[in-house]
Each structure stands twice: as C-alpha cells, then as structure tokens.
PDB file of all heavy atoms in Angstrom:
ATOM      1  N   LYS A   1       0.501 -30.651-118.674  1.00  0.00           N
ATOM      2  CA  LYS A   1      -0.683 -30.568-117.814  1.00  0.00           C
ATOM      3  C   LYS A   1      -0.461 -31.412-116.561  1.00  0.00           C
ATOM      4  O   LYS A   1       0.065 -32.529-116.643  1.00  0.00           O
ATOM      5  CB  LYS A   1      -1.916 -31.051-118.585  1.00  0.00           C
ATOM      6  CG  LYS A   1      -2.389 -30.065-119.654  1.00  0.00           C
ATOM      7  CD  LYS A   1      -3.672 -30.524-120.302  1.00  0.00           C
ATOM      8  CE  LYS A   1      -4.172 -29.490-121.307  1.00  0.00           C
ATOM      9  NZ  LYS A   1      -5.418 -29.910-121.972  1.00  0.00           N
ATOM     10  N   GLY A   2      -0.866 -30.873-115.447  1.00  0.00           N
ATOM     11  CA  GLY A   2      -0.687 -31.584-114.186  1.00  0.00           C
ATOM     12  C   GLY A   2       0.550 -31.111-113.436  1.00  0.00           C
ATOM     13  O   GLY A   2       0.717 -31.430-112.248  1.00  0.00           O
ATOM     14  N   ASN A   3       1.398 -30.365-114.125  1.00  0.00           N
ATOM     15  CA  ASN A   3       2.585 -29.831-113.471  1.00  0.00           C
ATOM     16  C   ASN A   3       2.204 -28.674-112.550  1.00  0.00           C
ATOM     17  O   ASN A   3       1.283 -27.894-112.845  1.00  0.00           O
ATOM     18  CB  ASN A   3       3.587 -29.354-114.538  1.00  0.00           C
ATOM     19  CG  ASN A   3       4.965 -29.136-113.955  1.00  0.00           C
ATOM     20  OD1 ASN A   3       5.659 -30.081-113.592  1.00  0.00           O
ATOM     21  ND2 ASN A   3       5.375 -27.884-113.882  1.00  0.00           N
ATOM     22  N   LYS A   4       2.891 -28.554-111.438  1.00  0.00           N
ATOM     23  CA  LYS A   4       2.556 -27.504-110.477  1.00  0.00           C
ATOM     24  C   LYS A   4       2.734 -26.111-111.088  1.00  0.00           C
ATOM     25  O   LYS A   4       1.930 -25.218-110.878  1.00  0.00           O
ATOM     26  CB  LYS A   4       3.432 -27.641-109.220  1.00  0.00           C
ATOM     27  CG  LYS A   4       3.115 -28.875-108.375  1.00  0.00           C
ATOM     28  CD  LYS A   4       3.993 -28.914-107.139  1.00  0.00           C
ATOM     29  CE  LYS A   4       3.668 -30.155-106.302  1.00  0.00           C
ATOM     30  NZ  LYS A   4       4.533 -30.236-105.073  1.00  0.00           N
ATOM     31  N   GLU A   5       3.815 -25.962-111.812  1.00  0.00           N
ATOM     32  CA  GLU A   5       4.092 -24.687-112.460  1.00  0.00           C
ATOM     33  C   GLU A   5       3.479 -24.716-113.871  1.00  0.00           C
ATOM     34  O   GLU A   5       3.714 -25.658-114.633  1.00  0.00           O
ATOM     35  CB  GLU A   5       5.608 -24.465-112.529  1.00  0.00           C
ATOM     36  CG  GLU A   5       6.017 -23.045-112.780  1.00  0.00           C
ATOM     37  CD  GLU A   5       7.519 -22.843-112.682  1.00  0.00           C
ATOM     38  OE1 GLU A   5       8.253 -23.869-112.643  1.00  0.00           O
ATOM     39  OE2 GLU A   5       7.979 -21.701-112.674  1.00  0.00           O
ATOM     40  N   LYS A   6       2.673 -23.695-114.185  1.00  0.00           N
ATOM     41  CA  LYS A   6       1.966 -23.677-115.470  1.00  0.00           C
ATOM     42  C   LYS A   6       2.899 -23.385-116.641  1.00  0.00           C
ATOM     43  O   LYS A   6       2.834 -24.031-117.695  1.00  0.00           O
ATOM     44  CB  LYS A   6       0.835 -22.645-115.435  1.00  0.00           C
ATOM     45  CG  LYS A   6      -0.020 -22.618-116.691  1.00  0.00           C
ATOM     46  CD  LYS A   6      -1.164 -21.640-116.541  1.00  0.00           C
ATOM     47  CE  LYS A   6      -2.033 -21.616-117.785  1.00  0.00           C
ATOM     48  NZ  LYS A   6      -3.158 -20.661-117.667  1.00  0.00           N
ATOM     49  N   SER A   7       3.770 -22.388-116.491  1.00  0.00           N
ATOM     50  CA  SER A   7       4.695 -22.021-117.555  1.00  0.00           C
ATOM     51  C   SER A   7       5.951 -21.398-116.959  1.00  0.00           C
ATOM     52  O   SER A   7       5.987 -21.016-115.780  1.00  0.00           O
ATOM     53  CB  SER A   7       4.030 -21.027-118.518  1.00  0.00           C
ATOM     54  OG  SER A   7       3.781 -19.790-117.889  1.00  0.00           O
ATOM     55  N   LYS A   8       6.946 -21.304-117.823  1.00  0.00           N
ATOM     56  CA  LYS A   8       8.229 -20.778-117.346  1.00  0.00           C
ATOM     57  C   LYS A   8       8.940 -20.080-118.504  1.00  0.00           C
ATOM     58  O   LYS A   8       9.023 -20.626-119.613  1.00  0.00           O
ATOM     59  CB  LYS A   8       9.092 -21.939-116.832  1.00  0.00           C
ATOM     60  CG  LYS A   8      10.326 -21.526-116.054  1.00  0.00           C
ATOM     61  CD  LYS A   8      11.042 -22.757-115.520  1.00  0.00           C
ATOM     62  CE  LYS A   8      12.230 -22.390-114.642  1.00  0.00           C
ATOM     63  NZ  LYS A   8      11.804 -21.773-113.362  1.00  0.00           N
ATOM     64  N   PRO A   9       9.452 -18.839-118.305  1.00  0.00           N
ATOM     65  CA  PRO A   9      10.194 -18.153-119.372  1.00  0.00           C
ATOM     66  C   PRO A   9      11.596 -18.717-119.514  1.00  0.00           C
ATOM     67  O   PRO A   9      12.317 -18.879-118.520  1.00  0.00           O
ATOM     68  CB  PRO A   9      10.217 -16.698-118.888  1.00  0.00           C
ATOM     69  CG  PRO A   9      10.096 -16.783-117.387  1.00  0.00           C
ATOM     70  CD  PRO A   9       9.269 -17.994-117.099  1.00  0.00           C
ATOM     71  N   MET A  10      11.978 -19.026-120.754  1.00  0.00           N
ATOM     72  CA  MET A  10      13.297 -19.631-121.004  1.00  0.00           C
ATOM     73  C   MET A  10      13.876 -19.062-122.282  1.00  0.00           C
ATOM     74  O   MET A  10      13.164 -18.520-123.132  1.00  0.00           O
ATOM     75  CB  MET A  10      13.179 -21.146-121.157  1.00  0.00           C
ATOM     76  CG  MET A  10      12.548 -21.886-120.002  1.00  0.00           C
ATOM     77  SD  MET A  10      12.480 -23.680-120.332  1.00  0.00           S
ATOM     78  CE  MET A  10      11.494 -24.246-118.956  1.00  0.00           C
ATOM     79  N   PHE A  11      15.180 -19.227-122.443  1.00  0.00           N
ATOM     80  CA  PHE A  11      15.809 -18.881-123.721  1.00  0.00           C
ATOM     81  C   PHE A  11      16.756 -20.001-124.151  1.00  0.00           C
ATOM     82  O   PHE A  11      17.326 -20.704-123.312  1.00  0.00           O
ATOM     83  CB  PHE A  11      16.510 -17.524-123.698  1.00  0.00           C
ATOM     84  CG  PHE A  11      17.702 -17.443-122.765  1.00  0.00           C
ATOM     85  CD1 PHE A  11      18.977 -17.819-123.205  1.00  0.00           C
ATOM     86  CD2 PHE A  11      17.576 -16.944-121.469  1.00  0.00           C
ATOM     87  CE1 PHE A  11      20.081 -17.721-122.354  1.00  0.00           C
ATOM     88  CE2 PHE A  11      18.671 -16.854-120.635  1.00  0.00           C
ATOM     89  CZ  PHE A  11      19.931 -17.236-121.074  1.00  0.00           C
ATOM     90  N   PHE A  12      16.860 -20.179-125.461  1.00  0.00           N
ATOM     91  CA  PHE A  12      17.655 -21.252-126.017  1.00  0.00           C
ATOM     92  C   PHE A  12      18.526 -20.716-127.159  1.00  0.00           C
ATOM     93  O   PHE A  12      18.345 -19.560-127.577  1.00  0.00           O
ATOM     94  CB  PHE A  12      16.758 -22.370-126.573  1.00  0.00           C
ATOM     95  CG  PHE A  12      15.678 -22.800-125.622  1.00  0.00           C
ATOM     96  CD1 PHE A  12      14.399 -22.244-125.696  1.00  0.00           C
ATOM     97  CD2 PHE A  12      15.928 -23.749-124.645  1.00  0.00           C
ATOM     98  CE1 PHE A  12      13.402 -22.635-124.822  1.00  0.00           C
ATOM     99  CE2 PHE A  12      14.931 -24.143-123.761  1.00  0.00           C
ATOM    100  CZ  PHE A  12      13.662 -23.575-123.847  1.00  0.00           C
ATOM    101  N   CYS A  13      19.417 -21.533-127.649  1.00  0.00           N
ATOM    102  CA  CYS A  13      20.240 -21.157-128.783  1.00  0.00           C
ATOM    103  C   CYS A  13      19.487 -21.445-130.084  1.00  0.00           C
ATOM    104  O   CYS A  13      18.913 -22.525-130.242  1.00  0.00           O
ATOM    105  CB  CYS A  13      21.573 -21.897-128.745  1.00  0.00           C
ATOM    106  SG  CYS A  13      22.653 -21.527-130.149  1.00  0.00           S
ATOM    107  N   SER A  14      19.482 -20.500-130.979  1.00  0.00           N
ATOM    108  CA  SER A  14      18.757 -20.655-132.241  1.00  0.00           C
ATOM    109  C   SER A  14      19.295 -21.802-133.094  1.00  0.00           C
ATOM    110  O   SER A  14      18.584 -22.335-133.948  1.00  0.00           O
ATOM    111  CB  SER A  14      18.821 -19.356-133.054  1.00  0.00           C
ATOM    112  OG  SER A  14      20.162 -19.033-133.363  1.00  0.00           O
ATOM    113  N   LYS A  15      20.550 -22.191-132.852  1.00  0.00           N
ATOM    114  CA  LYS A  15      21.184 -23.233-133.645  1.00  0.00           C
ATOM    115  C   LYS A  15      20.917 -24.636-133.086  1.00  0.00           C
ATOM    116  O   LYS A  15      21.289 -25.617-133.705  1.00  0.00           O
ATOM    117  CB  LYS A  15      22.683 -22.978-133.756  1.00  0.00           C
ATOM    118  CG  LYS A  15      23.020 -21.659-134.404  1.00  0.00           C
ATOM    119  CD  LYS A  15      24.523 -21.471-134.510  1.00  0.00           C
ATOM    120  CE  LYS A  15      24.875 -20.095-135.057  1.00  0.00           C
ATOM    121  NZ  LYS A  15      24.334 -19.895-136.424  1.00  0.00           N
ATOM    122  N   TRP A  16      20.317 -24.691-131.901  1.00  0.00           N
ATOM    123  CA  TRP A  16      20.078 -25.997-131.281  1.00  0.00           C
ATOM    124  C   TRP A  16      19.000 -26.770-132.048  1.00  0.00           C
ATOM    125  O   TRP A  16      18.092 -26.204-132.644  1.00  0.00           O
ATOM    126  CB  TRP A  16      19.621 -25.821-129.845  1.00  0.00           C
ATOM    127  CG  TRP A  16      20.713 -25.453-128.886  1.00  0.00           C
ATOM    128  CD1 TRP A  16      22.042 -25.316-129.151  1.00  0.00           C
ATOM    129  CD2 TRP A  16      20.544 -25.153-127.507  1.00  0.00           C
ATOM    130  NE1 TRP A  16      22.740 -24.961-128.033  1.00  0.00           N
ATOM    131  CE2 TRP A  16      21.850 -24.849-126.985  1.00  0.00           C
ATOM    132  CE3 TRP A  16      19.481 -25.102-126.631  1.00  0.00           C
ATOM    133  CZ2 TRP A  16      22.063 -24.532-125.652  1.00  0.00           C
ATOM    134  CZ3 TRP A  16      19.702 -24.772-125.292  1.00  0.00           C
ATOM    135  CH2 TRP A  16      20.966 -24.489-124.812  1.00  0.00           C
ATOM    136  N   SER A  17      19.101 -28.110-131.940  1.00  0.00           N
ATOM    137  CA  SER A  17      18.043 -28.974-132.476  1.00  0.00           C
ATOM    138  C   SER A  17      16.872 -28.948-131.502  1.00  0.00           C
ATOM    139  O   SER A  17      17.030 -28.601-130.322  1.00  0.00           O
ATOM    140  CB  SER A  17      18.551 -30.397-132.644  1.00  0.00           C
ATOM    141  OG  SER A  17      18.819 -30.978-131.372  1.00  0.00           O
ATOM    142  N   ILE A  18      15.694 -29.339-131.994  1.00  0.00           N
ATOM    143  CA  ILE A  18      14.501 -29.396-131.132  1.00  0.00           C
ATOM    144  C   ILE A  18      14.742 -30.392-130.000  1.00  0.00           C
ATOM    145  O   ILE A  18      14.319 -30.163-128.852  1.00  0.00           O
ATOM    146  CB  ILE A  18      13.264 -29.784-131.935  1.00  0.00           C
ATOM    147  CG1 ILE A  18      12.985 -28.749-133.039  1.00  0.00           C
ATOM    148  CG2 ILE A  18      12.027 -29.928-131.041  1.00  0.00           C
ATOM    149  CD1 ILE A  18      12.722 -27.348-132.552  1.00  0.00           C
ATOM    150  N   GLY A  19      15.435 -31.504-130.285  1.00  0.00           N
ATOM    151  CA  GLY A  19      15.727 -32.499-129.249  1.00  0.00           C
ATOM    152  C   GLY A  19      16.530 -31.904-128.096  1.00  0.00           C
ATOM    153  O   GLY A  19      16.241 -32.171-126.928  1.00  0.00           O
ATOM    154  N   LYS A  20      17.537 -31.074-128.454  1.00  0.00           N
ATOM    155  CA  LYS A  20      18.374 -30.447-127.418  1.00  0.00           C
ATOM    156  C   LYS A  20      17.582 -29.411-126.626  1.00  0.00           C
ATOM    157  O   LYS A  20      17.749 -29.257-125.410  1.00  0.00           O
ATOM    158  CB  LYS A  20      19.601 -29.807-128.045  1.00  0.00           C
ATOM    159  CG  LYS A  20      20.586 -29.263-127.025  1.00  0.00           C
ATOM    160  CD  LYS A  20      21.892 -28.830-127.674  1.00  0.00           C
ATOM    161  CE  LYS A  20      22.871 -28.316-126.609  1.00  0.00           C
ATOM    162  NZ  LYS A  20      24.174 -27.926-127.194  1.00  0.00           N
ATOM    163  N   VAL A  21      16.686 -28.677-127.331  1.00  0.00           N
ATOM    164  CA  VAL A  21      15.826 -27.699-126.656  1.00  0.00           C
ATOM    165  C   VAL A  21      14.945 -28.388-125.627  1.00  0.00           C
ATOM    166  O   VAL A  21      14.796 -27.903-124.493  1.00  0.00           O
ATOM    167  CB  VAL A  21      14.960 -26.945-127.686  1.00  0.00           C
ATOM    168  CG1 VAL A  21      13.904 -26.075-126.974  1.00  0.00           C
ATOM    169  CG2 VAL A  21      15.811 -26.072-128.584  1.00  0.00           C
ATOM    170  N   VAL A  22      14.368 -29.541-126.010  1.00  0.00           N
ATOM    171  CA  VAL A  22      13.500 -30.300-125.090  1.00  0.00           C
ATOM    172  C   VAL A  22      14.299 -30.748-123.863  1.00  0.00           C
ATOM    173  O   VAL A  22      13.855 -30.596-122.714  1.00  0.00           O
ATOM    174  CB  VAL A  22      12.883 -31.524-125.787  1.00  0.00           C
ATOM    175  CG1 VAL A  22      12.176 -32.433-124.779  1.00  0.00           C
ATOM    176  CG2 VAL A  22      11.896 -31.079-126.859  1.00  0.00           C
ATOM    177  N   ASP A  23      15.496 -31.271-124.073  1.00  0.00           N
ATOM    178  CA  ASP A  23      16.336 -31.758-122.952  1.00  0.00           C
ATOM    179  C   ASP A  23      16.682 -30.610-122.017  1.00  0.00           C
ATOM    180  O   ASP A  23      16.621 -30.749-120.779  1.00  0.00           O
ATOM    181  CB  ASP A  23      17.606 -32.408-123.480  1.00  0.00           C
ATOM    182  CG  ASP A  23      17.321 -33.721-124.211  1.00  0.00           C
ATOM    183  OD1 ASP A  23      16.250 -34.302-123.989  1.00  0.00           O
ATOM    184  OD2 ASP A  23      18.171 -34.137-125.028  1.00  0.00           O
ATOM    185  N   PHE A  24      17.060 -29.474-122.593  1.00  0.00           N
ATOM    186  CA  PHE A  24      17.460 -28.328-121.784  1.00  0.00           C
ATOM    187  C   PHE A  24      16.271 -27.754-121.010  1.00  0.00           C
ATOM    188  O   PHE A  24      16.375 -27.411-119.829  1.00  0.00           O
ATOM    189  CB  PHE A  24      18.081 -27.246-122.674  1.00  0.00           C
ATOM    190  CG  PHE A  24      18.755 -26.143-121.932  1.00  0.00           C
ATOM    191  CD1 PHE A  24      19.996 -26.346-121.331  1.00  0.00           C
ATOM    192  CD2 PHE A  24      18.152 -24.902-121.791  1.00  0.00           C
ATOM    193  CE1 PHE A  24      20.638 -25.319-120.622  1.00  0.00           C
ATOM    194  CE2 PHE A  24      18.761 -23.871-121.081  1.00  0.00           C
ATOM    195  CZ  PHE A  24      20.008 -24.080-120.495  1.00  0.00           C
ATOM    196  N   ALA A  25      15.105 -27.669-121.691  1.00  0.00           N
ATOM    197  CA  ALA A  25      13.912 -27.150-121.021  1.00  0.00           C
ATOM    198  C   ALA A  25      13.468 -28.066-119.891  1.00  0.00           C
ATOM    199  O   ALA A  25      13.034 -27.607-118.820  1.00  0.00           O
ATOM    200  CB  ALA A  25      12.783 -26.993-122.037  1.00  0.00           C
ATOM    201  N   ALA A  26      13.595 -29.392-120.098  1.00  0.00           N
ATOM    202  CA  ALA A  26      13.219 -30.356-119.074  1.00  0.00           C
ATOM    203  C   ALA A  26      14.083 -30.186-117.823  1.00  0.00           C
ATOM    204  O   ALA A  26      13.583 -30.279-116.674  1.00  0.00           O
ATOM    205  CB  ALA A  26      13.319 -31.775-119.622  1.00  0.00           C
ATOM    206  N   SER A  27      15.358 -29.945-118.029  1.00  0.00           N
ATOM    207  CA  SER A  27      16.262 -29.760-116.883  1.00  0.00           C
ATOM    208  C   SER A  27      15.962 -28.468-116.154  1.00  0.00           C
ATOM    209  O   SER A  27      16.004 -28.410-114.911  1.00  0.00           O
ATOM    210  CB  SER A  27      17.716 -29.788-117.340  1.00  0.00           C
ATOM    211  OG  SER A  27      17.991 -28.683-118.203  1.00  0.00           O
ATOM    212  N   LEU A  28      15.629 -27.384-116.885  1.00  0.00           N
ATOM    213  CA  LEU A  28      15.303 -26.096-116.245  1.00  0.00           C
ATOM    214  C   LEU A  28      14.008 -26.171-115.433  1.00  0.00           C
ATOM    215  O   LEU A  28      13.881 -25.532-114.391  1.00  0.00           O
ATOM    216  CB  LEU A  28      15.174 -24.997-117.301  1.00  0.00           C
ATOM    217  CG  LEU A  28      16.452 -24.529-117.999  1.00  0.00           C
ATOM    218  CD1 LEU A  28      16.129 -23.470-119.040  1.00  0.00           C
ATOM    219  CD2 LEU A  28      17.453 -23.973-116.994  1.00  0.00           C
ATOM    220  N   ALA A  29      13.034 -26.969-115.926  1.00  0.00           N
ATOM    221  CA  ALA A  29      11.730 -27.054-115.263  1.00  0.00           C
ATOM    222  C   ALA A  29      11.646 -28.294-114.344  1.00  0.00           C
ATOM    223  O   ALA A  29      10.583 -28.577-113.801  1.00  0.00           O
ATOM    224  CB  ALA A  29      10.620 -27.113-116.304  1.00  0.00           C
ATOM    225  N   SER A  30      12.745 -29.035-114.224  1.00  0.00           N
ATOM    226  CA  SER A  30      12.789 -30.250-113.395  1.00  0.00           C
ATOM    227  C   SER A  30      11.722 -31.255-113.812  1.00  0.00           C
ATOM    228  O   SER A  30      10.989 -31.826-112.984  1.00  0.00           O
ATOM    229  CB  SER A  30      12.622 -29.890-111.901  1.00  0.00           C
ATOM    230  OG  SER A  30      13.644 -28.991-111.498  1.00  0.00           O
ATOM    231  N   LEU A  31      11.611 -31.491-115.123  1.00  0.00           N
ATOM    232  CA  LEU A  31      10.623 -32.436-115.645  1.00  0.00           C
ATOM    233  C   LEU A  31      11.281 -33.794-115.905  1.00  0.00           C
ATOM    234  O   LEU A  31      12.467 -33.859-116.267  1.00  0.00           O
ATOM    235  CB  LEU A  31      10.027 -31.913-116.973  1.00  0.00           C
ATOM    236  CG  LEU A  31       9.257 -30.587-116.893  1.00  0.00           C
ATOM    237  CD1 LEU A  31       8.874 -30.138-118.301  1.00  0.00           C
ATOM    238  CD2 LEU A  31       8.024 -30.728-116.018  1.00  0.00           C
ATOM    239  N   LYS A  32      10.512 -34.832-115.740  1.00  0.00           N
ATOM    240  CA  LYS A  32      10.989 -36.176-116.047  1.00  0.00           C
ATOM    241  C   LYS A  32      11.212 -36.280-117.549  1.00  0.00           C
ATOM    242  O   LYS A  32      10.349 -35.939-118.349  1.00  0.00           O
ATOM    243  CB  LYS A  32       9.973 -37.213-115.583  1.00  0.00           C
ATOM    244  CG  LYS A  32      10.406 -38.654-115.832  1.00  0.00           C
ATOM    245  CD  LYS A  32       9.337 -39.626-115.361  1.00  0.00           C
ATOM    246  CE  LYS A  32       9.754 -41.066-115.665  1.00  0.00           C
ATOM    247  NZ  LYS A  32       8.711 -42.037-115.252  1.00  0.00           N
ATOM    248  N   ASN A  33      12.376 -36.761-117.938  1.00  0.00           N
ATOM    249  CA  ASN A  33      12.695 -36.848-119.364  1.00  0.00           C
ATOM    250  C   ASN A  33      13.327 -38.182-119.681  1.00  0.00           C
ATOM    251  O   ASN A  33      14.498 -38.441-119.364  1.00  0.00           O
ATOM    252  CB  ASN A  33      13.657 -35.697-119.741  1.00  0.00           C
ATOM    253  CG  ASN A  33      14.001 -35.710-121.229  1.00  0.00           C
ATOM    254  OD1 ASN A  33      13.358 -36.388-122.019  1.00  0.00           O
ATOM    255  ND2 ASN A  33      15.050 -34.964-121.590  1.00  0.00           N
ATOM    256  N   ASP A  34      12.518 -39.080-120.297  1.00  0.00           N
ATOM    257  CA  ASP A  34      12.996 -40.407-120.679  1.00  0.00           C
ATOM    258  C   ASP A  34      13.096 -40.523-122.191  1.00  0.00           C
ATOM    259  O   ASP A  34      12.919 -41.612-122.771  1.00  0.00           O
ATOM    260  CB  ASP A  34      12.040 -41.506-120.146  1.00  0.00           C
ATOM    261  CG  ASP A  34      12.080 -41.587-118.631  1.00  0.00           C
ATOM    262  OD1 ASP A  34      13.146 -41.258-118.045  1.00  0.00           O
ATOM    263  OD2 ASP A  34      11.073 -41.973-118.019  1.00  0.00           O
ATOM    264  N   ASN A  35      13.381 -39.426-122.863  1.00  0.00           N
ATOM    265  CA  ASN A  35      13.433 -39.422-124.327  1.00  0.00           C
ATOM    266  C   ASN A  35      14.559 -40.315-124.850  1.00  0.00           C
ATOM    267  O   ASN A  35      14.526 -40.729-126.008  1.00  0.00           O
ATOM    268  CB  ASN A  35      13.600 -37.999-124.851  1.00  0.00           C
ATOM    269  CG  ASN A  35      12.297 -37.211-124.767  1.00  0.00           C
ATOM    270  OD1 ASN A  35      11.306 -37.710-124.228  1.00  0.00           O
ATOM    271  ND2 ASN A  35      12.311 -35.978-125.248  1.00  0.00           N
TER     272      ASN A  35
END
C-alpha cells in the first residue's frame, strides 16, 4: 500500500523458496528490500 503501481504480473520458478520469490519480486517492482 502506498506504492505508485498497484499490481504487477510476474512469474517465478515453482521450485523457488518464498524468500527467493520475495527478493525477485522486489527487484522486478523496484521495492525496498531489507530482508
């Protein structure tokens, strides 16, 4: 919430961990990621 873009279509690898999915999605959407 608060992001300029509301949503974004993405695809990931089914074998990835949720942590890797979050990191990859953050980079695609240019989100700050201090995980």
